[in-house]
């Protein structure tokens, strides 16, 4: 193991007791399954694969699985396919580690319920606590940062290039390439430690952000149809008709949200996507500075101060949501 940066050591002090318990559980169980949330993003899968790879590298006799639905666009170009695990595997005692998932109902695979012991590692507000061990830091930019710091704290363990690469994808993805205000000096210390393992950062970013040519048609539609409120809330709406036209799934509706990041006069930016299967409108909200999480909570969602999600039950709620966000900027 490389020498650990002093900032990471300092940040890890408050979690040392929990880290020791996690390591004890990893040693105790022969079977370990790493879970994460539904409709996964860079952080969910990156932290999941990073932790699973780390355990495999340092405990080669353990039977380690990763489960959940595959990413609609990033699998297999950026991420490998998840393990296909027979139900019988979960009948015997196993350890479940859930990353980047705020509450149980969002865990992508109900078989976590069969676990003998459950560990939670997450950076979302701990509104609905669960797990025998809870390592939660809502001020961390990514679960990937938390997983990396925890793994680095384990003495006599190695952090391989592959494990570090997954953790970096998680960290860079959820911090929007280190642009969100939750990014700290410790975040860069973690990124430095991960990069020192020797993976190709250029290749990583190419795989993370590579897009197909036809995605430009969606971008063009968004740029031709977005609106801006009086005080600087930019938003676009993709209804079911547009999703079918562009051959998109509802979870892809937010892919263009960061087009508005950094534009003068735009302080909050929002994507609104119809989901016919669940009869809701899915909302992603981002902000440069202004906290928007309370508005997200009001509309059946939540998240971080400057990056949250919500759900609208009907189209008429869109104007109310935009008005509430606009009022934050007065």
Protein backbone atom coordinates (compact mmCIF):
# COMPACT_ATOMS: atom_id res chain seq x y z
CA UNK A 1 0.00 0.00 0.00
CA UNK A 2 1.28 3.46 -0.87
CA UNK A 3 1.82 6.06 1.82
CA UNK A 4 -1.55 7.61 2.65
CA UNK A 5 -1.97 11.37 2.28
CA UNK A 6 -2.22 13.22 5.60
CA UNK A 7 -5.52 14.84 4.61
CA UNK A 8 -7.05 11.41 4.10
CA UNK A 9 -5.68 10.19 7.41
CA UNK A 10 -7.16 13.19 9.18
CA UNK A 11 -10.54 12.76 7.52
CA UNK A 12 -10.59 9.05 8.33
CA UNK A 13 -10.10 9.47 12.07
CA UNK A 14 -13.80 9.81 12.82
CA UNK A 15 -14.57 6.53 11.04
CA UNK A 16 -11.77 4.32 12.37
CA UNK A 17 -13.98 2.32 14.74
CA UNK A 18 -16.50 1.64 11.97
CA UNK A 19 -13.72 0.80 9.49
CA UNK A 20 -12.38 -1.82 11.90
CA UNK A 21 -15.86 -3.33 12.17
CA UNK A 22 -16.21 -3.41 8.38
CA UNK A 23 -12.86 -5.17 8.02
CA UNK A 24 -13.88 -7.64 10.71
CA UNK A 25 -17.07 -8.47 8.81
CA UNK A 26 -15.21 -8.86 5.51
CA UNK A 27 -12.88 -11.32 7.23
CA UNK A 28 -15.77 -13.14 8.89
CA UNK A 29 -17.95 -13.85 5.82
CA UNK A 30 -16.96 -16.14 2.95
CA UNK A 31 -19.69 -14.71 0.72
CA UNK A 32 -20.03 -10.99 0.08
CA UNK A 33 -22.41 -9.16 -2.24
CA UNK A 34 -22.07 -5.46 -3.07
CA UNK A 35 -25.31 -3.64 -3.89
CA UNK A 36 -26.18 -0.09 -5.04
CA UNK A 37 -29.19 1.95 -6.12
CA UNK A 38 -31.66 1.55 -8.98
CA UNK A 39 -31.12 3.53 -12.20
CA UNK A 40 -27.39 3.65 -11.48
CA UNK A 41 -24.96 6.43 -12.33
CA UNK A 42 -21.16 6.71 -12.39
CA UNK A 43 -20.92 6.83 -8.60
CA UNK A 44 -23.24 3.91 -7.94
CA UNK A 45 -21.54 1.43 -10.25
CA UNK A 46 -18.04 2.86 -9.82
CA UNK A 47 -18.07 2.61 -6.04
CA UNK A 48 -19.73 -0.82 -6.25
CA UNK A 49 -17.12 -2.23 -8.63
CA UNK A 50 -14.28 -0.46 -6.84
CA UNK A 51 -15.14 -1.98 -3.49
CA UNK A 52 -15.84 -5.44 -4.93
CA UNK A 53 -12.55 -5.42 -6.85
CA UNK A 54 -10.66 -4.29 -3.75
CA UNK A 55 -12.11 -7.16 -1.71
CA UNK A 56 -11.31 -9.69 -4.45
CA UNK A 57 -7.74 -8.40 -4.74
CA UNK A 58 -7.04 -8.61 -1.00
CA UNK A 59 -9.22 -11.57 -0.03
CA UNK A 60 -8.93 -13.93 -3.01
CA UNK A 61 -10.73 -16.76 -1.24
CA UNK A 62 -13.91 -14.74 -0.80
CA UNK A 63 -16.89 -15.29 -3.12
CA UNK A 64 -17.74 -11.70 -4.12
CA UNK A 65 -20.71 -10.68 -6.29
CA UNK A 66 -22.00 -7.40 -7.76
CA UNK A 67 -25.69 -7.19 -8.64
CA UNK A 68 -28.28 -4.78 -9.99
CA UNK A 69 -29.53 -3.72 -13.41
CA UNK A 70 -26.94 -2.81 -16.02
CA UNK A 71 -26.56 0.82 -17.06
CA UNK A 72 -28.70 1.66 -20.07
CA UNK A 73 -25.87 3.36 -22.01
CA UNK A 74 -22.59 2.88 -20.09
CA UNK A 75 -22.73 -0.93 -20.12
CA UNK A 76 -20.63 -2.47 -21.60
CA UNK A 77 -18.56 0.41 -23.01
CA UNK A 78 -17.64 1.87 -19.62
CA UNK A 79 -18.81 -0.77 -17.13
CA UNK A 80 -18.89 -4.58 -17.32
CA UNK A 81 -22.15 -6.49 -17.05
CA UNK A 82 -23.35 -7.18 -13.52
CA UNK A 83 -23.10 -10.71 -12.17
CA UNK A 84 -26.02 -13.02 -12.87
CA UNK A 85 -26.49 -14.78 -9.56
CA UNK A 86 -28.89 -17.62 -8.90
CA UNK A 87 -31.28 -17.16 -5.98
CA UNK A 88 -29.75 -20.17 -4.25
CA UNK A 89 -26.49 -18.22 -3.73
CA UNK A 90 -28.33 -15.98 -1.27
CA UNK A 91 -29.72 -18.88 0.79
CA UNK A 92 -26.53 -19.24 2.83
CA UNK A 93 -25.08 -16.58 5.13
CA UNK A 94 -23.57 -13.63 3.28
CA UNK A 95 -22.47 -10.07 3.96
CA UNK A 96 -24.27 -7.29 2.08
CA UNK A 97 -22.52 -3.98 1.50
CA UNK A 98 -24.74 -1.26 0.01
CA UNK A 99 -23.06 1.79 -1.53
CA UNK A 100 -24.45 5.14 -2.66
CA UNK A 101 -28.03 4.33 -1.65
CA UNK A 102 -29.94 6.54 0.78
CA UNK A 103 -32.83 4.23 1.62
CA UNK A 104 -33.75 0.57 1.33
CA UNK A 105 -36.46 0.98 -1.29
CA UNK A 106 -33.84 2.25 -3.78
CA UNK A 107 -31.54 -0.77 -3.50
CA UNK A 108 -31.32 -2.46 -6.89
CA UNK A 109 -31.98 -6.10 -5.98
CA UNK A 110 -34.30 -7.15 -3.17
CA UNK A 111 -32.12 -10.10 -2.27
CA UNK A 112 -30.14 -7.85 0.08
CA UNK A 113 -32.96 -8.68 2.54
CA UNK A 114 -31.52 -12.17 2.95
CA UNK A 115 -28.17 -10.90 4.21
CA UNK A 116 -26.95 -12.00 7.62
CA UNK A 117 -25.27 -8.62 8.09
CA UNK A 118 -25.60 -5.33 6.21
CA UNK A 119 -23.21 -2.39 5.85
CA UNK A 120 -24.18 0.98 4.36
CA UNK A 121 -21.63 3.38 2.79
CA UNK A 122 -23.34 6.50 1.47
CA UNK A 123 -23.05 10.25 0.96
CA UNK A 124 -26.74 11.18 0.84
CA UNK A 125 -28.60 12.67 3.83
CA UNK A 126 -29.28 9.87 6.29
CA UNK A 127 -33.04 10.43 6.40
CA UNK A 128 -34.01 6.75 6.63
CA UNK A 129 -31.10 4.93 8.32
CA UNK A 130 -30.57 1.22 7.75
CA UNK A 131 -27.83 -1.35 8.18
CA UNK A 132 -25.83 -2.84 11.04
CA UNK A 133 -22.96 -0.49 10.23
CA UNK A 134 -23.72 2.93 8.75
CA UNK A 135 -20.90 5.01 7.29
CA UNK A 136 -22.59 8.18 6.05
CA UNK A 137 -21.06 11.53 5.12
CA UNK A 138 -23.51 13.80 3.30
CA UNK A 139 -20.76 16.37 2.76
CA UNK A 140 -18.70 13.98 0.65
CA UNK A 141 -18.99 14.58 -3.13
CA UNK A 142 -19.28 10.87 -3.92
CA UNK A 143 -19.66 7.45 -2.38
CA UNK A 144 -16.59 6.59 -4.44
CA UNK A 145 -14.52 8.98 -2.32
CA UNK A 146 -15.81 7.33 0.84
CA UNK A 147 -15.09 3.83 -0.46
CA UNK A 148 -11.59 4.87 -1.48
CA UNK A 149 -10.82 6.43 1.91
CA UNK A 150 -12.11 3.35 3.72
CA UNK A 151 -10.08 0.95 1.59
CA UNK A 152 -6.95 3.07 1.99
CA UNK A 153 -7.38 2.85 5.77
CA UNK A 154 -7.12 -0.95 5.78
CA UNK A 155 -3.56 -1.87 6.76
CA UNK A 156 -1.67 -4.56 4.85
CA UNK A 157 -4.07 -4.23 1.90
CA UNK A 158 -3.23 -3.15 -1.65
CA UNK A 159 -5.12 -0.80 -3.94
CA UNK A 160 -4.72 -2.09 -7.47
CA UNK A 161 -4.98 -0.11 -10.69
CA UNK A 162 -8.35 -1.69 -11.55
CA UNK A 163 -9.97 -1.00 -8.18
CA UNK A 164 -8.63 2.58 -8.21
CA UNK A 165 -9.96 3.15 -11.72
CA UNK A 166 -13.51 2.25 -10.69
CA UNK A 167 -13.30 4.47 -7.61
CA UNK A 168 -12.00 7.35 -9.71
CA UNK A 169 -14.92 7.00 -12.15
CA UNK A 170 -17.30 7.19 -9.18
CA UNK A 171 -15.57 10.27 -7.77
CA UNK A 172 -15.14 12.18 -11.02
CA UNK A 173 -18.68 11.34 -12.15
CA UNK A 174 -20.57 12.43 -9.06
CA UNK A 175 -18.48 15.57 -8.51
CA UNK A 176 -19.11 16.55 -12.15
CA UNK A 177 -15.37 16.31 -12.79
CA UNK A 178 -14.58 18.10 -9.52
CA UNK A 179 -16.76 21.14 -10.28
CA UNK A 180 -19.34 20.82 -7.49
CA UNK A 181 -18.83 22.83 -4.31
CA UNK A 182 -18.65 19.63 -2.25
CA UNK A 183 -15.20 19.05 -3.75
CA UNK A 184 -12.56 19.58 -1.06
CA UNK A 185 -8.76 19.38 -0.73
CA UNK A 186 -9.34 15.84 0.58
CA UNK A 187 -11.18 15.01 -2.65
CA UNK A 188 -8.10 15.94 -4.67
CA UNK A 189 -5.92 14.01 -2.24
CA UNK A 190 -8.05 10.92 -2.88
CA UNK A 191 -7.94 11.47 -6.65
CA UNK A 192 -4.14 11.81 -6.46
CA UNK A 193 -3.86 8.58 -4.47
CA UNK A 194 -6.02 6.76 -7.00
CA UNK A 195 -4.10 8.14 -9.99
CA UNK A 196 -0.82 7.02 -8.48
CA UNK A 197 -1.85 3.41 -9.15
CA UNK A 198 -1.17 4.10 -12.83
CA UNK A 199 -4.47 3.81 -14.74
CA UNK A 200 -4.91 5.85 -17.92
CA UNK A 201 -7.05 8.86 -16.97
CA UNK A 202 -7.52 9.88 -20.60
CA UNK A 203 -8.96 6.50 -21.50
CA UNK A 204 -11.20 6.61 -18.44
CA UNK A 205 -12.70 9.97 -19.39
CA UNK A 206 -13.18 8.92 -23.01
CA UNK A 207 -15.20 5.91 -21.91
CA UNK A 208 -17.18 7.94 -19.38
CA UNK A 209 -18.24 10.69 -21.74
CA UNK A 210 -18.21 9.08 -25.18
CA UNK A 211 -21.50 9.71 -27.02
CA UNK A 212 -23.10 8.45 -30.21
CA UNK A 213 -23.71 10.85 -33.09
CA UNK A 214 -27.49 10.55 -32.80
CA UNK A 215 -27.32 12.01 -29.29
CA UNK A 216 -26.74 15.37 -31.01
CA UNK A 217 -30.35 15.29 -32.19
CA UNK A 218 -31.52 15.18 -28.59
CA UNK A 219 -29.15 17.99 -27.67
CA UNK A 220 -30.46 20.06 -30.56
CA UNK A 221 -34.03 19.52 -29.42
CA UNK A 222 -33.15 20.57 -25.86
CA UNK A 223 -31.35 23.70 -27.04
CA UNK A 224 -34.28 24.65 -29.28
CA UNK A 225 -36.94 24.07 -26.64
CA UNK A 226 -35.58 24.98 -23.21
CA UNK A 227 -37.06 27.85 -21.21
CA UNK A 228 -35.63 30.21 -18.59
CA UNK A 229 -37.64 31.65 -15.71
CA UNK A 230 -37.55 35.30 -14.65
CA UNK A 231 -34.71 34.90 -12.18
CA UNK A 232 -32.63 32.25 -13.90
CA UNK A 233 -34.06 28.72 -13.75
CA UNK A 234 -33.39 26.94 -17.06
CA UNK A 235 -35.47 23.86 -17.75
CA UNK A 236 -36.45 21.49 -20.53
CA UNK A 237 -39.20 18.90 -20.82
CA UNK A 238 -39.07 15.58 -22.63
CA UNK A 239 -42.47 13.94 -22.86
CA UNK A 240 -43.20 10.37 -23.89
CA UNK A 241 -43.58 11.36 -27.53
CA UNK A 242 -40.09 12.84 -27.66
CA UNK A 243 -38.60 9.88 -25.82
CA UNK A 244 -40.02 7.53 -28.45
CA UNK A 245 -38.86 9.79 -31.28
CA UNK A 246 -35.27 9.77 -30.00
CA UNK A 247 -35.42 6.16 -28.79
CA UNK A 248 -34.68 7.13 -25.19
CA UNK A 249 -35.54 5.61 -21.84
CA UNK A 250 -36.85 8.01 -19.12
CA UNK A 251 -33.60 7.68 -17.15
CA UNK A 252 -31.75 9.18 -20.13
CA UNK A 253 -33.79 12.36 -20.02
CA UNK A 254 -31.33 14.10 -17.72
CA UNK A 255 -28.33 13.43 -19.97
CA UNK A 256 -28.38 17.01 -21.28
CA UNK A 257 -28.92 18.77 -17.98
CA UNK A 258 -25.36 20.06 -17.68
CA UNK A 259 -25.59 21.92 -20.98
CA UNK A 260 -26.66 24.87 -18.83
CA UNK A 261 -23.88 24.63 -16.26
CA UNK A 262 -21.74 27.76 -16.34
CA UNK A 263 -23.98 29.85 -18.58
CA UNK A 264 -24.27 33.47 -17.50
CA UNK A 265 -27.67 34.27 -16.00
CA UNK A 266 -28.59 30.63 -15.36
CA UNK A 267 -28.39 29.77 -11.67
CA UNK A 268 -30.50 26.61 -11.48
CA UNK A 269 -31.03 24.10 -14.27
CA UNK A 270 -33.61 21.35 -14.49
CA UNK A 271 -34.54 18.37 -16.66
CA UNK A 272 -38.12 17.06 -16.60
CA UNK A 273 -38.84 13.70 -18.23
CA UNK A 274 -42.12 11.84 -18.52
CA UNK A 275 -42.09 8.24 -17.32
CA UNK A 276 -45.22 6.53 -18.64
CA UNK A 277 -44.45 3.24 -16.91
CA UNK A 278 -44.55 4.83 -13.46
CA UNK A 279 -46.99 7.62 -14.41
CA UNK A 280 -44.69 10.39 -13.14
CA UNK A 281 -42.41 13.11 -14.42
CA UNK A 282 -38.81 12.53 -13.34
CA UNK A 283 -36.97 15.68 -12.35
CA UNK A 284 -33.25 16.35 -11.97
CA UNK A 285 -32.21 19.67 -10.44
CA UNK A 286 -28.75 21.25 -10.37
CA UNK A 287 -27.61 24.55 -8.92
CA UNK A 288 -24.50 26.66 -9.03
CA UNK A 289 -24.76 27.93 -5.45
CA UNK A 290 -28.35 28.07 -4.22
CA UNK A 291 -29.47 25.03 -2.14
CA UNK A 292 -32.34 23.27 -3.91
CA UNK A 293 -32.69 20.08 -1.84
CA UNK A 294 -35.65 21.31 0.21
CA UNK A 295 -37.64 22.04 -2.93
CA UNK A 296 -36.74 18.57 -4.21
CA UNK A 297 -38.01 17.07 -0.95
CA UNK A 298 -41.27 19.00 -1.31
CA UNK A 299 -41.78 17.28 -4.66
CA UNK A 300 -41.22 13.70 -3.44
CA UNK A 301 -37.48 13.65 -3.85
CA UNK A 302 -34.30 14.81 -2.20
CA UNK A 303 -30.54 14.68 -2.49
CA UNK A 304 -27.72 17.14 -2.05
CA UNK A 305 -27.85 20.91 -1.66
CA UNK A 306 -26.90 21.59 -5.28
CA UNK A 307 -27.81 18.28 -6.95
CA UNK A 308 -31.17 16.66 -6.27
CA UNK A 309 -34.01 14.75 -7.86
CA UNK A 310 -37.80 14.83 -7.56
CA UNK A 311 -41.01 13.32 -8.97
CA UNK A 312 -44.08 15.10 -10.25
CA UNK A 313 -47.40 13.28 -10.28
CA UNK A 314 -48.91 15.38 -13.07
CA UNK A 315 -47.91 17.86 -15.76
CA UNK A 316 -49.59 20.76 -13.97
CA UNK A 317 -47.03 20.53 -11.16
CA UNK A 318 -44.23 21.63 -13.49
CA UNK A 319 -45.17 25.32 -13.30
CA UNK A 320 -45.39 25.10 -9.49
CA UNK A 321 -41.96 23.48 -9.27
CA UNK A 322 -40.32 26.09 -11.51
CA UNK A 323 -42.00 28.90 -9.57
CA UNK A 324 -40.73 27.49 -6.26
CA UNK A 325 -37.20 27.24 -7.66
CA UNK A 326 -37.43 30.72 -9.15
CA UNK A 327 -38.49 32.13 -5.79
CA UNK A 328 -35.24 30.84 -4.29
CA UNK A 329 -33.39 33.29 -6.52
CA UNK A 330 -35.30 36.45 -5.59
